[in-house]
Amino acid sequence: MINIRSLIVLSIMLLMVGCSAMGVMATSDPDQKLRDAENLYRNLDRPLPAEGLISEAIEIYQKQGNLRGLGDAYREYASLLYSPSMTKWGKGGVFKVKFHDPSVNYENRKEKAAEYWQMALDTYQKYEPQPLEAKKYDELTNLYYVMAWTYNGLDDHNNSCKYFNKSLAAYAENIRLNPSVRPFSPGFNSFPDEVAYYEKQIGLDCNSESPKKD
């Protein structure tokens, strides 16, 4: 006979799954979908609605032909799959997470994260000529910075350092051309300070010939 208390607990948990998107404002803006998704899985331990929002953003960017946005969405999906939040939800087998990408499951999610990080890099590289030709060095600063973090997700330390350095070079060129510009680096005195801090945090020595990660 089913324990009544267990039945009540299970019913509440199923209700929570059914209402997994509660508190998320509906939006057709894929950029906002990604921001909402990141908050859900990083800060609120709600990876299930986050997975849906990222998948929706991917579809929108694909229809728009928005390569930068698509790269960001692939990167966010990889980060979600690798996140402690997703690990927590899958433990114990209570929930059967059904991913929007049918090739993904709970057991292979980390291998699939690597595939999505690579997809993000491939997409960023296709996008790169656009800001290069337009000499949008502010956009290149951000793009290369994001690519450095994406390579770090793949434990590719050489390319991570390469793109941190490319980001700093693009930043310097943007400042040279626009000396009054003050890029936003919350919590830091400057963008180079931000890069140096995070390189140290993740154990990279990007000033040496052979970058290492402790």
N, C-alpha and C. Protein backbone atom coordinates (compact mmCIF):
# COMPACT_ATOMS: atom_id res chain seq x y z
N MET A 1 0.85 -1.20 0.00
CA MET A 1 0.00 0.00 0.00
C MET A 1 0.88 1.25 0.00
N ILE A 2 0.52 2.21 -0.80
CA ILE A 2 1.32 3.43 -0.92
C ILE A 2 1.20 4.27 0.34
N ASN A 3 2.32 4.66 0.89
CA ASN A 3 2.36 5.54 2.04
C ASN A 3 1.74 6.88 1.68
N ILE A 4 0.76 7.32 2.49
CA ILE A 4 0.03 8.55 2.18
C ILE A 4 0.95 9.76 2.15
N ARG A 5 1.87 9.80 3.12
CA ARG A 5 2.79 10.94 3.17
C ARG A 5 3.64 11.00 1.91
N SER A 6 4.14 9.84 1.45
CA SER A 6 4.94 9.79 0.24
C SER A 6 4.14 10.24 -0.97
N LEU A 7 2.86 9.84 -1.00
CA LEU A 7 1.99 10.22 -2.11
C LEU A 7 1.79 11.73 -2.16
N ILE A 8 1.62 12.33 -0.98
CA ILE A 8 1.43 13.78 -0.92
C ILE A 8 2.69 14.51 -1.40
N VAL A 9 3.86 14.03 -0.90
CA VAL A 9 5.12 14.65 -1.31
C VAL A 9 5.32 14.54 -2.81
N LEU A 10 5.03 13.34 -3.37
CA LEU A 10 5.19 13.14 -4.81
C LEU A 10 4.24 14.04 -5.59
N SER A 11 3.01 14.21 -5.09
CA SER A 11 2.04 15.06 -5.78
C SER A 11 2.51 16.51 -5.82
N ILE A 12 3.10 16.96 -4.68
CA ILE A 12 3.61 18.33 -4.64
C ILE A 12 4.76 18.51 -5.61
N MET A 13 5.64 17.50 -5.68
CA MET A 13 6.79 17.58 -6.57
C MET A 13 6.36 17.60 -8.03
N LEU A 14 5.35 16.79 -8.35
CA LEU A 14 4.85 16.78 -9.73
C LEU A 14 4.19 18.11 -10.08
N LEU A 15 3.51 18.69 -9.09
CA LEU A 15 2.90 20.00 -9.32
C LEU A 15 3.96 21.05 -9.59
N MET A 16 5.08 20.94 -8.85
CA MET A 16 6.18 21.89 -9.07
C MET A 16 6.74 21.76 -10.47
N VAL A 17 6.86 20.51 -10.97
CA VAL A 17 7.35 20.31 -12.33
C VAL A 17 6.39 20.89 -13.34
N GLY A 18 5.09 20.65 -13.12
CA GLY A 18 4.07 21.14 -14.04
C GLY A 18 4.05 22.65 -14.10
N CYS A 19 4.45 23.30 -12.99
CA CYS A 19 4.46 24.76 -12.93
C CYS A 19 5.87 25.30 -12.99
N SER A 20 6.75 24.58 -13.68
CA SER A 20 8.16 24.93 -13.67
C SER A 20 8.46 26.29 -14.26
N ALA A 21 7.53 26.84 -15.06
CA ALA A 21 7.78 28.16 -15.66
C ALA A 21 7.12 29.28 -14.87
N MET A 22 6.58 28.96 -13.70
CA MET A 22 5.94 29.99 -12.89
C MET A 22 6.95 31.07 -12.54
N GLY A 23 6.50 32.31 -12.58
CA GLY A 23 7.36 33.43 -12.20
C GLY A 23 8.23 33.94 -13.32
N VAL A 24 8.16 33.33 -14.51
CA VAL A 24 8.96 33.76 -15.66
C VAL A 24 8.05 34.55 -16.59
N MET A 25 8.40 35.80 -16.83
CA MET A 25 7.60 36.64 -17.70
C MET A 25 7.74 36.18 -19.15
N ALA A 26 6.62 36.02 -19.83
CA ALA A 26 6.65 35.62 -21.24
C ALA A 26 7.25 36.73 -22.08
N THR A 27 8.12 36.36 -23.02
CA THR A 27 8.73 37.34 -23.91
C THR A 27 9.09 36.67 -25.23
N SER A 28 9.04 37.44 -26.30
CA SER A 28 9.45 36.93 -27.60
C SER A 28 10.89 37.32 -27.93
N ASP A 29 11.53 38.06 -27.02
CA ASP A 29 12.90 38.54 -27.21
C ASP A 29 13.87 37.42 -26.82
N PRO A 30 14.62 36.87 -27.79
CA PRO A 30 15.53 35.76 -27.46
C PRO A 30 16.64 36.16 -26.51
N ASP A 31 17.10 37.43 -26.58
CA ASP A 31 18.13 37.89 -25.65
C ASP A 31 17.61 37.83 -24.21
N GLN A 32 16.36 38.27 -24.02
CA GLN A 32 15.77 38.23 -22.68
C GLN A 32 15.54 36.80 -22.23
N LYS A 33 15.18 35.93 -23.16
CA LYS A 33 15.02 34.51 -22.82
C LYS A 33 16.32 33.94 -22.24
N LEU A 34 17.46 34.30 -22.85
CA LEU A 34 18.74 33.82 -22.36
C LEU A 34 19.06 34.39 -20.99
N ARG A 35 18.78 35.67 -20.80
CA ARG A 35 19.03 36.28 -19.48
C ARG A 35 18.17 35.62 -18.41
N ASP A 36 16.90 35.38 -18.73
CA ASP A 36 16.00 34.73 -17.78
C ASP A 36 16.47 33.31 -17.48
N ALA A 37 16.89 32.60 -18.53
CA ALA A 37 17.34 31.22 -18.35
C ALA A 37 18.56 31.16 -17.45
N GLU A 38 19.51 32.06 -17.68
CA GLU A 38 20.72 32.05 -16.86
C GLU A 38 20.40 32.29 -15.39
N ASN A 39 19.50 33.22 -15.14
CA ASN A 39 19.11 33.48 -13.75
C ASN A 39 18.42 32.26 -13.14
N LEU A 40 17.60 31.58 -13.93
CA LEU A 40 16.86 30.42 -13.43
C LEU A 40 17.78 29.29 -12.99
N TYR A 41 18.76 28.96 -13.82
CA TYR A 41 19.57 27.80 -13.45
C TYR A 41 20.77 28.15 -12.58
N ARG A 42 21.27 29.38 -12.69
CA ARG A 42 22.43 29.75 -11.87
C ARG A 42 22.04 30.17 -10.45
N ASN A 43 20.94 30.89 -10.34
CA ASN A 43 20.59 31.49 -9.05
C ASN A 43 19.38 30.86 -8.37
N LEU A 44 18.49 30.24 -9.14
CA LEU A 44 17.24 29.75 -8.57
C LEU A 44 17.09 28.23 -8.61
N ASP A 45 18.11 27.52 -9.11
CA ASP A 45 18.05 26.06 -9.21
C ASP A 45 16.80 25.58 -9.95
N ARG A 46 16.53 26.21 -11.08
CA ARG A 46 15.36 25.83 -11.90
C ARG A 46 15.84 25.57 -13.33
N PRO A 47 16.55 24.47 -13.53
CA PRO A 47 17.10 24.20 -14.86
C PRO A 47 16.07 23.79 -15.90
N LEU A 48 14.93 23.25 -15.45
CA LEU A 48 13.95 22.77 -16.43
C LEU A 48 13.33 23.89 -17.25
N PRO A 49 12.78 24.95 -16.62
CA PRO A 49 12.28 26.06 -17.46
C PRO A 49 13.41 26.77 -18.19
N ALA A 50 14.62 26.78 -17.60
CA ALA A 50 15.75 27.39 -18.28
C ALA A 50 16.06 26.67 -19.58
N GLU A 51 16.00 25.34 -19.55
CA GLU A 51 16.28 24.54 -20.75
C GLU A 51 15.28 24.86 -21.86
N GLY A 52 14.02 25.06 -21.46
CA GLY A 52 13.01 25.41 -22.46
C GLY A 52 13.24 26.78 -23.06
N LEU A 53 13.60 27.75 -22.24
CA LEU A 53 13.83 29.12 -22.72
C LEU A 53 15.03 29.17 -23.68
N ILE A 54 16.10 28.46 -23.33
CA ILE A 54 17.27 28.46 -24.20
C ILE A 54 16.94 27.81 -25.54
N SER A 55 16.19 26.73 -25.50
CA SER A 55 15.81 26.05 -26.74
C SER A 55 14.96 26.96 -27.62
N GLU A 56 14.06 27.73 -26.99
CA GLU A 56 13.24 28.68 -27.74
C GLU A 56 14.12 29.76 -28.37
N ALA A 57 15.10 30.23 -27.61
CA ALA A 57 16.00 31.27 -28.14
C ALA A 57 16.79 30.74 -29.32
N ILE A 58 17.26 29.49 -29.24
CA ILE A 58 17.99 28.89 -30.35
C ILE A 58 17.15 28.89 -31.62
N GLU A 59 15.89 28.49 -31.49
CA GLU A 59 14.99 28.45 -32.66
C GLU A 59 14.80 29.83 -33.26
N ILE A 60 14.63 30.84 -32.41
CA ILE A 60 14.42 32.21 -32.90
C ILE A 60 15.66 32.72 -33.62
N TYR A 61 16.83 32.55 -33.01
CA TYR A 61 18.07 33.01 -33.64
C TYR A 61 18.31 32.30 -34.97
N GLN A 62 18.00 31.02 -35.03
CA GLN A 62 18.17 30.28 -36.28
C GLN A 62 17.28 30.86 -37.38
N LYS A 63 16.03 31.18 -37.04
CA LYS A 63 15.10 31.76 -38.02
C LYS A 63 15.56 33.15 -38.45
N GLN A 64 16.14 33.90 -37.51
CA GLN A 64 16.60 35.26 -37.80
C GLN A 64 17.91 35.27 -38.58
N GLY A 65 18.65 34.16 -38.53
CA GLY A 65 19.99 34.15 -39.09
C GLY A 65 20.95 34.97 -38.25
N ASN A 66 20.68 35.08 -36.97
CA ASN A 66 21.48 35.88 -36.03
C ASN A 66 22.60 35.01 -35.48
N LEU A 67 23.78 35.10 -36.09
CA LEU A 67 24.88 34.22 -35.71
C LEU A 67 25.41 34.53 -34.32
N ARG A 68 25.50 35.80 -33.97
CA ARG A 68 26.02 36.14 -32.64
C ARG A 68 25.07 35.60 -31.57
N GLY A 69 23.79 35.84 -31.75
CA GLY A 69 22.82 35.35 -30.78
C GLY A 69 22.80 33.84 -30.70
N LEU A 70 22.92 33.18 -31.85
CA LEU A 70 22.91 31.73 -31.88
C LEU A 70 24.11 31.15 -31.14
N GLY A 71 25.28 31.77 -31.34
CA GLY A 71 26.46 31.33 -30.61
C GLY A 71 26.27 31.46 -29.11
N ASP A 72 25.68 32.59 -28.68
CA ASP A 72 25.43 32.79 -27.26
C ASP A 72 24.46 31.73 -26.71
N ALA A 73 23.44 31.40 -27.51
CA ALA A 73 22.46 30.41 -27.05
C ALA A 73 23.07 29.02 -26.95
N TYR A 74 23.91 28.65 -27.91
CA TYR A 74 24.59 27.35 -27.83
C TYR A 74 25.49 27.31 -26.59
N ARG A 75 26.21 28.41 -26.33
CA ARG A 75 27.10 28.47 -25.17
C ARG A 75 26.29 28.35 -23.88
N GLU A 76 25.14 29.04 -23.83
CA GLU A 76 24.31 28.99 -22.62
C GLU A 76 23.75 27.58 -22.40
N TYR A 77 23.41 26.90 -23.49
CA TYR A 77 22.89 25.54 -23.37
C TYR A 77 23.98 24.61 -22.81
N ALA A 78 25.20 24.78 -23.29
CA ALA A 78 26.31 23.98 -22.77
C ALA A 78 26.52 24.22 -21.29
N SER A 79 26.49 25.48 -20.89
CA SER A 79 26.69 25.82 -19.48
C SER A 79 25.58 25.24 -18.61
N LEU A 80 24.36 25.26 -19.13
CA LEU A 80 23.24 24.66 -18.40
C LEU A 80 23.45 23.16 -18.20
N LEU A 81 23.82 22.46 -19.28
CA LEU A 81 23.99 21.01 -19.19
C LEU A 81 25.08 20.65 -18.19
N TYR A 82 26.08 21.49 -18.05
CA TYR A 82 27.21 21.21 -17.17
C TYR A 82 27.00 21.73 -15.75
N SER A 83 25.91 22.43 -15.52
CA SER A 83 25.72 23.16 -14.28
C SER A 83 25.40 22.27 -13.07
N PRO A 84 25.80 22.70 -11.86
CA PRO A 84 25.41 21.99 -10.64
C PRO A 84 23.90 21.91 -10.48
N SER A 85 23.20 22.92 -11.00
CA SER A 85 21.75 22.93 -10.91
C SER A 85 21.14 21.73 -11.63
N MET A 86 21.64 21.43 -12.83
CA MET A 86 21.14 20.29 -13.58
C MET A 86 21.52 18.98 -12.88
N THR A 87 22.71 18.93 -12.34
CA THR A 87 23.15 17.73 -11.62
C THR A 87 22.24 17.46 -10.43
N LYS A 88 21.90 18.50 -9.70
CA LYS A 88 21.06 18.38 -8.51
C LYS A 88 19.67 17.83 -8.87
N TRP A 89 19.10 18.32 -9.97
CA TRP A 89 17.75 17.91 -10.35
C TRP A 89 17.71 16.46 -10.82
N GLY A 90 18.81 15.98 -11.35
CA GLY A 90 18.79 14.62 -11.90
C GLY A 90 19.12 13.54 -10.90
N LYS A 91 19.63 13.90 -9.72
CA LYS A 91 20.04 12.90 -8.74
C LYS A 91 18.84 12.13 -8.20
N GLY A 92 19.03 10.83 -8.02
CA GLY A 92 17.99 10.01 -7.42
C GLY A 92 16.96 9.49 -8.40
N GLY A 93 16.98 9.99 -9.62
CA GLY A 93 16.06 9.49 -10.63
C GLY A 93 14.60 9.85 -10.41
N VAL A 94 14.34 10.86 -9.55
CA VAL A 94 12.95 11.24 -9.27
C VAL A 94 12.31 11.85 -10.51
N PHE A 95 13.08 12.69 -11.20
CA PHE A 95 12.55 13.35 -12.39
C PHE A 95 13.20 12.80 -13.65
N LYS A 96 12.42 12.56 -14.64
CA LYS A 96 12.94 12.20 -15.95
C LYS A 96 12.98 13.47 -16.79
N VAL A 97 14.14 14.07 -16.88
CA VAL A 97 14.27 15.32 -17.62
C VAL A 97 14.17 15.02 -19.11
N LYS A 98 13.22 15.64 -19.77
CA LYS A 98 13.07 15.47 -21.21
C LYS A 98 13.62 16.72 -21.89
N PHE A 99 14.75 16.55 -22.55
CA PHE A 99 15.41 17.68 -23.18
C PHE A 99 14.79 17.98 -24.54
N HIS A 100 14.82 19.27 -24.91
CA HIS A 100 14.29 19.66 -26.21
C HIS A 100 15.14 19.10 -27.35
N ASP A 101 16.44 18.94 -27.09
CA ASP A 101 17.30 18.24 -28.04
C ASP A 101 17.21 16.75 -27.72
N PRO A 102 16.58 15.97 -28.58
CA PRO A 102 16.36 14.55 -28.26
C PRO A 102 17.64 13.72 -28.15
N SER A 103 18.77 14.26 -28.61
CA SER A 103 20.03 13.51 -28.50
C SER A 103 20.65 13.66 -27.11
N VAL A 104 20.08 14.55 -26.29
CA VAL A 104 20.62 14.81 -24.95
C VAL A 104 19.83 14.03 -23.92
N ASN A 105 20.53 13.43 -22.97
CA ASN A 105 19.88 12.85 -21.80
C ASN A 105 20.72 13.17 -20.57
N TYR A 106 20.20 12.78 -19.41
CA TYR A 106 20.90 13.15 -18.18
C TYR A 106 22.28 12.52 -18.10
N GLU A 107 22.41 11.31 -18.61
CA GLU A 107 23.69 10.59 -18.50
C GLU A 107 24.76 11.16 -19.42
N ASN A 108 24.37 11.63 -20.62
CA ASN A 108 25.39 12.10 -21.57
C ASN A 108 25.49 13.62 -21.63
N ARG A 109 24.87 14.31 -20.65
CA ARG A 109 24.74 15.76 -20.75
C ARG A 109 26.08 16.48 -20.79
N LYS A 110 27.11 15.96 -20.10
CA LYS A 110 28.40 16.65 -20.08
C LYS A 110 29.13 16.48 -21.41
N GLU A 111 29.00 15.31 -22.02
CA GLU A 111 29.57 15.13 -23.36
C GLU A 111 28.85 16.04 -24.36
N LYS A 112 27.54 16.17 -24.20
CA LYS A 112 26.77 17.04 -25.09
C LYS A 112 27.10 18.52 -24.84
N ALA A 113 27.44 18.85 -23.61
CA ALA A 113 27.85 20.22 -23.31
C ALA A 113 29.07 20.58 -24.14
N ALA A 114 30.03 19.66 -24.23
CA ALA A 114 31.23 19.91 -25.03
C ALA A 114 30.86 20.14 -26.49
N GLU A 115 29.89 19.38 -27.00
CA GLU A 115 29.45 19.57 -28.39
C GLU A 115 28.84 20.95 -28.57
N TYR A 116 28.06 21.41 -27.60
CA TYR A 116 27.42 22.72 -27.72
C TYR A 116 28.43 23.85 -27.57
N TRP A 117 29.44 23.67 -26.73
CA TRP A 117 30.50 24.68 -26.66
C TRP A 117 31.22 24.79 -28.01
N GLN A 118 31.46 23.64 -28.65
CA GLN A 118 32.12 23.67 -29.96
C GLN A 118 31.21 24.30 -31.00
N MET A 119 29.92 24.00 -30.94
CA MET A 119 28.96 24.62 -31.85
C MET A 119 28.96 26.13 -31.67
N ALA A 120 29.05 26.58 -30.43
CA ALA A 120 29.11 28.02 -30.16
C ALA A 120 30.34 28.64 -30.81
N LEU A 121 31.50 27.99 -30.65
CA LEU A 121 32.73 28.52 -31.23
C LEU A 121 32.66 28.55 -32.75
N ASP A 122 32.13 27.50 -33.35
CA ASP A 122 31.99 27.47 -34.81
C ASP A 122 31.11 28.62 -35.29
N THR A 123 30.05 28.89 -34.55
CA THR A 123 29.12 29.97 -34.92
C THR A 123 29.76 31.33 -34.72
N TYR A 124 30.48 31.51 -33.62
CA TYR A 124 31.18 32.78 -33.38
C TYR A 124 32.19 33.06 -34.48
N GLN A 125 32.90 32.02 -34.93
CA GLN A 125 33.90 32.21 -35.98
C GLN A 125 33.26 32.60 -37.31
N LYS A 126 32.04 32.12 -37.55
CA LYS A 126 31.32 32.53 -38.75
C LYS A 126 30.87 33.99 -38.64
N TYR A 127 30.59 34.40 -37.42
CA TYR A 127 30.11 35.77 -37.18
C TYR A 127 31.24 36.79 -37.18
N GLU A 128 32.43 36.38 -36.77
CA GLU A 128 33.55 37.29 -36.55
C GLU A 128 33.81 38.27 -37.70
N PRO A 129 33.74 37.87 -38.99
CA PRO A 129 34.03 38.83 -40.06
C PRO A 129 33.13 40.06 -40.06
N GLN A 130 31.91 39.95 -39.53
CA GLN A 130 31.00 41.09 -39.54
C GLN A 130 31.53 42.26 -38.71
N PRO A 131 31.85 42.08 -37.42
CA PRO A 131 32.41 43.22 -36.68
C PRO A 131 33.83 43.58 -37.13
N LEU A 132 34.57 42.61 -37.66
CA LEU A 132 35.91 42.92 -38.17
C LEU A 132 35.84 43.89 -39.33
N GLU A 133 34.99 43.60 -40.29
CA GLU A 133 34.86 44.46 -41.47
C GLU A 133 34.30 45.82 -41.10
N ALA A 134 33.41 45.85 -40.11
CA ALA A 134 32.81 47.12 -39.68
C ALA A 134 33.69 47.86 -38.68
N LYS A 135 34.82 47.25 -38.28
CA LYS A 135 35.75 47.82 -37.30
C LYS A 135 35.04 48.18 -35.99
N LYS A 136 34.16 47.27 -35.58
CA LYS A 136 33.44 47.43 -34.31
C LYS A 136 34.26 46.76 -33.22
N TYR A 137 35.26 47.49 -32.71
CA TYR A 137 36.18 46.89 -31.77
C TYR A 137 35.56 46.66 -30.39
N ASP A 138 34.51 47.39 -30.06
CA ASP A 138 33.81 47.13 -28.81
C ASP A 138 33.12 45.76 -28.88
N GLU A 139 32.50 45.48 -30.02
CA GLU A 139 31.86 44.18 -30.20
C GLU A 139 32.90 43.06 -30.25
N LEU A 140 34.03 43.32 -30.88
CA LEU A 140 35.09 42.31 -30.94
C LEU A 140 35.67 42.04 -29.55
N THR A 141 35.77 43.08 -28.74
CA THR A 141 36.25 42.89 -27.37
C THR A 141 35.37 41.89 -26.64
N ASN A 142 34.07 42.09 -26.75
CA ASN A 142 33.13 41.20 -26.08
C ASN A 142 33.12 39.81 -26.69
N LEU A 143 33.15 39.75 -28.02
CA LEU A 143 33.12 38.46 -28.71
C LEU A 143 34.31 37.60 -28.33
N TYR A 144 35.51 38.17 -28.37
CA TYR A 144 36.71 37.40 -28.06
C TYR A 144 36.73 37.00 -26.58
N TYR A 145 36.21 37.84 -25.72
CA TYR A 145 36.13 37.53 -24.30
C TYR A 145 35.23 36.32 -24.07
N VAL A 146 34.08 36.31 -24.73
CA VAL A 146 33.15 35.19 -24.62
C VAL A 146 33.77 33.92 -25.21
N MET A 147 34.48 34.06 -26.32
CA MET A 147 35.13 32.90 -26.93
C MET A 147 36.21 32.32 -26.01
N ALA A 148 36.92 33.20 -25.30
CA ALA A 148 37.93 32.73 -24.35
C ALA A 148 37.29 31.87 -23.28
N TRP A 149 36.16 32.30 -22.76
CA TRP A 149 35.45 31.52 -21.75
C TRP A 149 34.91 30.21 -22.33
N THR A 150 34.50 30.24 -23.59
CA THR A 150 33.98 29.03 -24.23
C THR A 150 35.09 28.01 -24.40
N TYR A 151 36.26 28.45 -24.83
CA TYR A 151 37.41 27.53 -24.92
C TYR A 151 37.77 26.99 -23.53
N ASN A 152 37.61 27.82 -22.52
CA ASN A 152 37.89 27.35 -21.17
C ASN A 152 36.95 26.22 -20.77
N GLY A 153 35.70 26.31 -21.23
CA GLY A 153 34.75 25.22 -20.98
C GLY A 153 35.22 23.91 -21.56
N LEU A 154 35.97 23.98 -22.65
CA LEU A 154 36.51 22.79 -23.31
C LEU A 154 37.90 22.42 -22.79
N ASP A 155 38.37 23.15 -21.76
CA ASP A 155 39.71 22.95 -21.20
C ASP A 155 40.81 23.14 -22.24
N ASP A 156 40.54 24.00 -23.22
CA ASP A 156 41.54 24.34 -24.24
C ASP A 156 42.25 25.61 -23.76
N HIS A 157 43.31 25.43 -22.97
CA HIS A 157 43.94 26.56 -22.30
C HIS A 157 44.67 27.49 -23.27
N ASN A 158 45.29 26.91 -24.29
CA ASN A 158 46.02 27.74 -25.25
C ASN A 158 45.08 28.70 -25.98
N ASN A 159 43.95 28.18 -26.46
CA ASN A 159 43.02 29.04 -27.18
C ASN A 159 42.27 29.97 -26.23
N SER A 160 42.06 29.54 -25.01
CA SER A 160 41.44 30.43 -24.02
C SER A 160 42.33 31.66 -23.82
N CYS A 161 43.63 31.44 -23.62
CA CYS A 161 44.56 32.56 -23.48
C CYS A 161 44.63 33.40 -24.75
N LYS A 162 44.64 32.71 -25.88
CA LYS A 162 44.71 33.42 -27.16
C LYS A 162 43.57 34.42 -27.29
N TYR A 163 42.38 34.00 -26.91
CA TYR A 163 41.22 34.88 -27.10
C TYR A 163 41.07 35.90 -25.98
N PHE A 164 41.57 35.61 -24.79
CA PHE A 164 41.65 36.67 -23.78
C PHE A 164 42.57 37.77 -24.29
N ASN A 165 43.70 37.38 -24.89
CA ASN A 165 44.65 38.37 -25.41
C ASN A 165 44.08 39.13 -26.61
N LYS A 166 43.34 38.43 -27.47
CA LYS A 166 42.69 39.10 -28.61
C LYS A 166 41.65 40.09 -28.11
N SER A 167 40.96 39.73 -27.03
CA SER A 167 39.97 40.62 -26.45
C SER A 167 40.64 41.89 -25.92
N LEU A 168 41.78 41.73 -25.25
CA LEU A 168 42.51 42.90 -24.75
C LEU A 168 43.03 43.78 -25.88
N ALA A 169 43.46 43.14 -26.98
CA ALA A 169 43.95 43.90 -28.13
C ALA A 169 42.82 44.70 -28.77
N ALA A 170 41.64 44.07 -28.90
CA ALA A 170 40.48 44.77 -29.46
C ALA A 170 40.05 45.91 -28.55
N TYR A 171 40.12 45.67 -27.24
CA TYR A 171 39.80 46.72 -26.26
C TYR A 171 40.74 47.91 -26.43
N ALA A 172 42.04 47.64 -26.54
CA ALA A 172 43.03 48.71 -26.68
C ALA A 172 42.79 49.51 -27.95
N GLU A 173 42.43 48.82 -29.04
CA GLU A 173 42.17 49.51 -30.30
C GLU A 173 40.90 50.36 -30.20
N ASN A 174 39.90 49.85 -29.50
CA ASN A 174 38.67 50.61 -29.32
C ASN A 174 38.94 51.88 -28.52
N ILE A 175 39.77 51.78 -27.48
CA ILE A 175 40.12 52.95 -26.68
C ILE A 175 40.95 53.94 -27.49
N ARG A 176 41.84 53.42 -28.33
CA ARG A 176 42.66 54.30 -29.18
C ARG A 176 41.78 55.11 -30.12
N LEU A 177 40.78 54.46 -30.70
CA LEU A 177 39.91 55.14 -31.65
C LEU A 177 38.84 55.98 -30.97
N ASN A 178 38.50 55.59 -29.74
CA ASN A 178 37.43 56.29 -29.00
C ASN A 178 37.90 56.54 -27.57
N PRO A 179 38.81 57.49 -27.38
CA PRO A 179 39.44 57.70 -26.07
C PRO A 179 38.46 58.06 -24.96
N SER A 180 37.29 58.57 -25.30
CA SER A 180 36.33 58.96 -24.26
C SER A 180 35.48 57.78 -23.79
N VAL A 181 35.58 56.66 -24.48
CA VAL A 181 34.77 55.49 -24.13
C VAL A 181 35.26 54.88 -22.82
N ARG A 182 34.32 54.49 -21.98
CA ARG A 182 34.66 53.83 -20.72
C ARG A 182 33.87 52.51 -20.65
N PRO A 183 34.46 51.43 -21.15
CA PRO A 183 33.76 50.14 -21.13
C PRO A 183 33.34 49.75 -19.72
N PHE A 184 32.21 49.06 -19.64
CA PHE A 184 31.61 48.70 -18.36
C PHE A 184 32.19 47.39 -17.85
N SER A 185 32.92 47.45 -16.74
CA SER A 185 33.46 46.25 -16.09
C SER A 185 33.08 46.32 -14.62
N PRO A 186 31.86 45.92 -14.28
CA PRO A 186 31.38 46.07 -12.90
C PRO A 186 32.29 45.37 -11.89
N GLY A 187 32.68 46.13 -10.85
CA GLY A 187 33.52 45.57 -9.81
C GLY A 187 35.00 45.68 -10.08
N PHE A 188 35.38 46.24 -11.24
CA PHE A 188 36.80 46.36 -11.60
C PHE A 188 37.09 47.79 -12.05
N ASN A 189 38.35 48.17 -11.92
CA ASN A 189 38.76 49.51 -12.36
C ASN A 189 38.81 49.63 -13.87
N SER A 190 39.06 48.50 -14.55
CA SER A 190 39.17 48.52 -16.00
C SER A 190 38.93 47.11 -16.54
N PHE A 191 38.73 47.03 -17.85
CA PHE A 191 38.55 45.73 -18.48
C PHE A 191 39.81 44.86 -18.36
N PRO A 192 41.02 45.41 -18.57
CA PRO A 192 42.22 44.58 -18.37
C PRO A 192 42.31 44.01 -16.96
N ASP A 193 41.86 44.77 -15.95
CA ASP A 193 41.86 44.26 -14.58
C ASP A 193 40.90 43.07 -14.45
N GLU A 194 39.76 43.18 -15.12
CA GLU A 194 38.78 42.09 -15.10
C GLU A 194 39.36 40.82 -15.72
N VAL A 195 39.99 40.97 -16.88
CA VAL A 195 40.58 39.81 -17.56
C VAL A 195 41.67 39.18 -16.69
N ALA A 196 42.54 40.02 -16.12
CA ALA A 196 43.63 39.50 -15.28
C ALA A 196 43.08 38.73 -14.08
N TYR A 197 42.02 39.25 -13.50
CA TYR A 197 41.43 38.61 -12.33
C TYR A 197 40.90 37.22 -12.68
N TYR A 198 40.16 37.14 -13.77
CA TYR A 198 39.56 35.85 -14.11
C TYR A 198 40.57 34.85 -14.65
N GLU A 199 41.59 35.33 -15.31
CA GLU A 199 42.67 34.42 -15.72
C GLU A 199 43.28 33.76 -14.48
N LYS A 200 43.50 34.57 -13.45
CA LYS A 200 44.07 34.03 -12.21
C LYS A 200 43.09 33.08 -11.54
N GLN A 201 41.81 33.43 -11.54
CA GLN A 201 40.79 32.60 -10.90
C GLN A 201 40.71 31.20 -11.51
N ILE A 202 40.83 31.14 -12.83
CA ILE A 202 40.70 29.83 -13.48
C ILE A 202 42.05 29.17 -13.71
N GLY A 203 43.12 29.78 -13.18
CA GLY A 203 44.43 29.14 -13.20
C GLY A 203 45.19 29.26 -14.49
N LEU A 204 44.93 30.29 -15.27
CA LEU A 204 45.64 30.48 -16.53
C LEU A 204 46.79 31.46 -16.37
N ASP A 205 47.90 31.17 -17.01
CA ASP A 205 49.03 32.10 -17.07
C ASP A 205 49.22 32.47 -18.53
N CYS A 206 48.49 33.48 -18.95
CA CYS A 206 48.46 33.82 -20.37
C CYS A 206 49.65 34.66 -20.81
N ASN A 207 50.55 34.99 -19.90
CA ASN A 207 51.75 35.71 -20.28
C ASN A 207 52.92 34.77 -20.56
N SER A 208 52.73 33.49 -20.25
CA SER A 208 53.80 32.52 -20.51
C SER A 208 53.61 31.89 -21.88
N GLU A 209 54.65 31.23 -22.39
CA GLU A 209 54.55 30.61 -23.70
C GLU A 209 53.67 29.36 -23.67
N SER A 210 53.58 28.72 -22.50
CA SER A 210 52.76 27.52 -22.37
C SER A 210 51.75 27.74 -21.25
N PRO A 211 50.56 28.30 -21.59
CA PRO A 211 49.56 28.56 -20.56
C PRO A 211 49.23 27.30 -19.77
N LYS A 212 49.07 27.46 -18.48
CA LYS A 212 48.74 26.29 -17.67
C LYS A 212 47.50 26.58 -16.84
N LYS A 213 46.87 25.52 -16.43
CA LYS A 213 45.70 25.64 -15.57
C LYS A 213 45.95 24.76 -14.35
N ASP A 214 46.00 25.39 -13.18
CA ASP A 214 46.30 24.65 -11.96
C ASP A 214 45.16 23.72 -11.58
